[in-house]
Every structure is written in structure tokens, then in C-alpha cells.
Amino acid sequence: MLRLVQVKGMTAYVRASTARRTQVPRWQGGRLPLSVELADSVLELLGAPEEWAKHPEMQAAAPLLEVQARWSALPAIDCS
């Protein structure tokens, strides 16, 4: 379990957390959370870069996703 301390530039600083409650990332104050089905579809698409050319949104995001893959890792379906 990690706790976000701060974001500076392109770096997120975290600490180990002993909190018993967890928080799920939310956009727009929780009004637009990802459904389980949508989250699974996004993970499936992220895991298939050869399919990105078929999706204009993925073409637009590809440069950023390539940087993330080099610097860190892209989310994966099997990351439990």
C-alpha cells in the first residue's frame, strides 16, 4: 500500500502506508469512474500495441504511452 506524498514535475513521490482504507483513483470527483468492463477493455488495449493503429485515441496517446513504457511500465491485465 502506498500513499501519494507529492507530484513534482513528472515524478510522483510516495511512502509506504499503513492505512486500512484504500482509495480508488477517480476523475471529476468520482462522477466518471471507470466501470469494471471499461477498465478491463482499457487494459486489454494497452497490452496490444499492435492494435493501437486501429484506434485514433490510441494513436494520439501512443507517444505518451511509449515514454511511460520506457520509464516505468504500462498497466497490465495480469498485474495482481
C-alpha atoms as a PDB file:
ATOM      1  CA  MET A   1       0.000   0.000   0.000  1.00  0.00           C
ATOM      2  CA  LEU A   2       1.435   3.377  -0.978  1.00  0.00           C
ATOM      3  CA  ARG A   3       0.467   6.931  -0.093  1.00  0.00           C
ATOM      4  CA  LEU A   4       0.996   9.780  -2.556  1.00  0.00           C
ATOM      5  CA  VAL A   5       3.087  12.482  -0.904  1.00  0.00           C
ATOM      6  CA  GLN A   6       3.524  14.909  -3.788  1.00  0.00           C
ATOM      7  CA  VAL A   7       3.889  15.226  -7.519  1.00  0.00           C
ATOM      8  CA  LYS A   8       6.808  17.310  -8.738  1.00  0.00           C
ATOM      9  CA  GLY A   9       7.420  17.621 -12.442  1.00  0.00           C
ATOM     10  CA  MET A  10       6.894  14.158 -13.888  1.00  0.00           C
ATOM     11  CA  THR A  11       7.702  12.361 -10.617  1.00  0.00           C
ATOM     12  CA  ALA A  12       5.241  11.052  -8.056  1.00  0.00           C
ATOM     13  CA  TYR A  13       6.717  10.753  -4.557  1.00  0.00           C
ATOM     14  CA  VAL A  14       5.149   8.036  -2.417  1.00  0.00           C
ATOM     15  CA  ARG A  15       5.589   6.472   1.000  1.00  0.00           C
ATOM     16  CA  ALA A  16       4.608   3.135   2.409  1.00  0.00           C
ATOM     17  CA  SER A  17       1.215   3.402   4.067  1.00  0.00           C
ATOM     18  CA  THR A  18      -0.336   1.544   6.964  1.00  0.00           C
ATOM     19  CA  ALA A  19      -3.813   2.890   6.222  1.00  0.00           C
ATOM     20  CA  ARG A  20      -6.589   0.333   6.484  1.00  0.00           C
ATOM     21  CA  ARG A  21      -8.832   2.086   3.972  1.00  0.00           C
ATOM     22  CA  THR A  22      -7.837   2.411   0.344  1.00  0.00           C
ATOM     23  CA  GLN A  23      -8.861   4.930  -2.278  1.00  0.00           C
ATOM     24  CA  VAL A  24      -9.580   4.246  -5.916  1.00  0.00           C
ATOM     25  CA  PRO A  25      -8.423   6.867  -8.443  1.00  0.00           C
ATOM     26  CA  ARG A  26     -11.398   8.931  -9.612  1.00  0.00           C
ATOM     27  CA  TRP A  27     -11.867  11.547 -12.261  1.00  0.00           C
ATOM     28  CA  GLN A  28     -14.190  14.546 -11.979  1.00  0.00           C
ATOM     29  CA  GLY A  29     -14.742  13.954  -8.287  1.00  0.00           C
ATOM     30  CA  GLY A  30     -15.969  10.399  -8.754  1.00  0.00           C
ATOM     31  CA  ARG A  31     -18.645  11.275 -11.258  1.00  0.00           C
ATOM     32  CA  LEU A  32     -16.789   9.431 -14.029  1.00  0.00           C
ATOM     33  CA  PRO A  33     -15.204   6.322 -12.504  1.00  0.00           C
ATOM     34  CA  LEU A  34     -14.181   3.524 -14.841  1.00  0.00           C
ATOM     35  CA  SER A  35     -16.556   0.575 -14.804  1.00  0.00           C
ATOM     36  CA  VAL A  36     -15.035  -2.874 -14.416  1.00  0.00           C
ATOM     37  CA  GLU A  37     -15.837  -3.623 -18.054  1.00  0.00           C
ATOM     38  CA  LEU A  38     -14.281  -0.388 -19.325  1.00  0.00           C
ATOM     39  CA  ALA A  39     -11.194  -0.817 -17.151  1.00  0.00           C
ATOM     40  CA  ASP A  40     -10.726  -4.370 -18.463  1.00  0.00           C
ATOM     41  CA  SER A  41     -11.076  -3.156 -22.058  1.00  0.00           C
ATOM     42  CA  VAL A  42      -8.530  -0.383 -21.496  1.00  0.00           C
ATOM     43  CA  LEU A  43      -6.043  -2.865 -20.001  1.00  0.00           C
ATOM     44  CA  GLU A  44      -6.597  -5.233 -22.910  1.00  0.00           C
ATOM     45  CA  LEU A  45      -5.952  -2.448 -25.402  1.00  0.00           C
ATOM     46  CA  LEU A  46      -2.855  -1.226 -23.540  1.00  0.00           C
ATOM     47  CA  GLY A  47      -1.476  -4.756 -23.735  1.00  0.00           C
ATOM     48  CA  ALA A  48      -1.838  -4.880 -27.532  1.00  0.00           C
ATOM     49  CA  PRO A  49       0.213  -2.012 -29.020  1.00  0.00           C
ATOM     50  CA  GLU A  50      -0.071  -3.602 -32.472  1.00  0.00           C
ATOM     51  CA  GLU A  51      -3.806  -2.752 -32.321  1.00  0.00           C
ATOM     52  CA  TRP A  52      -3.293   0.943 -31.484  1.00  0.00           C
ATOM     53  CA  ALA A  53      -3.217   1.973 -35.154  1.00  0.00           C
ATOM     54  CA  LYS A  54      -6.893   0.955 -35.422  1.00  0.00           C
ATOM     55  CA  HIS A  55      -7.939   3.449 -32.724  1.00  0.00           C
ATOM     56  CA  PRO A  56      -7.470   7.217 -33.254  1.00  0.00           C
ATOM     57  CA  GLU A  57      -7.428   7.804 -29.492  1.00  0.00           C
ATOM     58  CA  MET A  58      -4.604   5.317 -29.040  1.00  0.00           C
ATOM     59  CA  GLN A  59      -2.687   6.838 -31.949  1.00  0.00           C
ATOM     60  CA  ALA A  60      -2.895  10.191 -30.172  1.00  0.00           C
ATOM     61  CA  ALA A  61      -1.810   8.692 -26.843  1.00  0.00           C
ATOM     62  CA  ALA A  62       0.889   6.396 -28.294  1.00  0.00           C
ATOM     63  CA  PRO A  63       3.849   8.781 -27.827  1.00  0.00           C
ATOM     64  CA  LEU A  64       2.989   9.282 -24.155  1.00  0.00           C
ATOM     65  CA  LEU A  65       2.404   5.566 -23.628  1.00  0.00           C
ATOM     66  CA  GLU A  66       5.752   4.758 -25.249  1.00  0.00           C
ATOM     67  CA  VAL A  67       7.519   7.144 -22.861  1.00  0.00           C
ATOM     68  CA  GLN A  68       5.723   5.561 -19.898  1.00  0.00           C
ATOM     69  CA  ALA A  69       6.702   2.088 -21.095  1.00  0.00           C
ATOM     70  CA  ARG A  70      10.369   3.173 -21.300  1.00  0.00           C
ATOM     71  CA  TRP A  71      10.428   4.971 -17.951  1.00  0.00           C
ATOM     72  CA  SER A  72       8.202   2.665 -15.960  1.00  0.00           C
ATOM     73  CA  ALA A  73       5.552   0.212 -17.120  1.00  0.00           C
ATOM     74  CA  LEU A  74       2.137   0.212 -18.689  1.00  0.00           C
ATOM     75  CA  PRO A  75      -0.683  -1.281 -16.643  1.00  0.00           C
ATOM     76  CA  ALA A  76      -1.298  -4.921 -17.472  1.00  0.00           C
ATOM     77  CA  ILE A  77      -4.213  -7.284 -17.043  1.00  0.00           C
ATOM     78  CA  ASP A  78      -2.127  -9.795 -15.086  1.00  0.00           C
ATOM     79  CA  CYS A  79      -0.700  -7.317 -12.531  1.00  0.00           C
ATOM     80  CA  SER A  80      -2.242  -8.629  -9.336  1.00  0.00           C
END
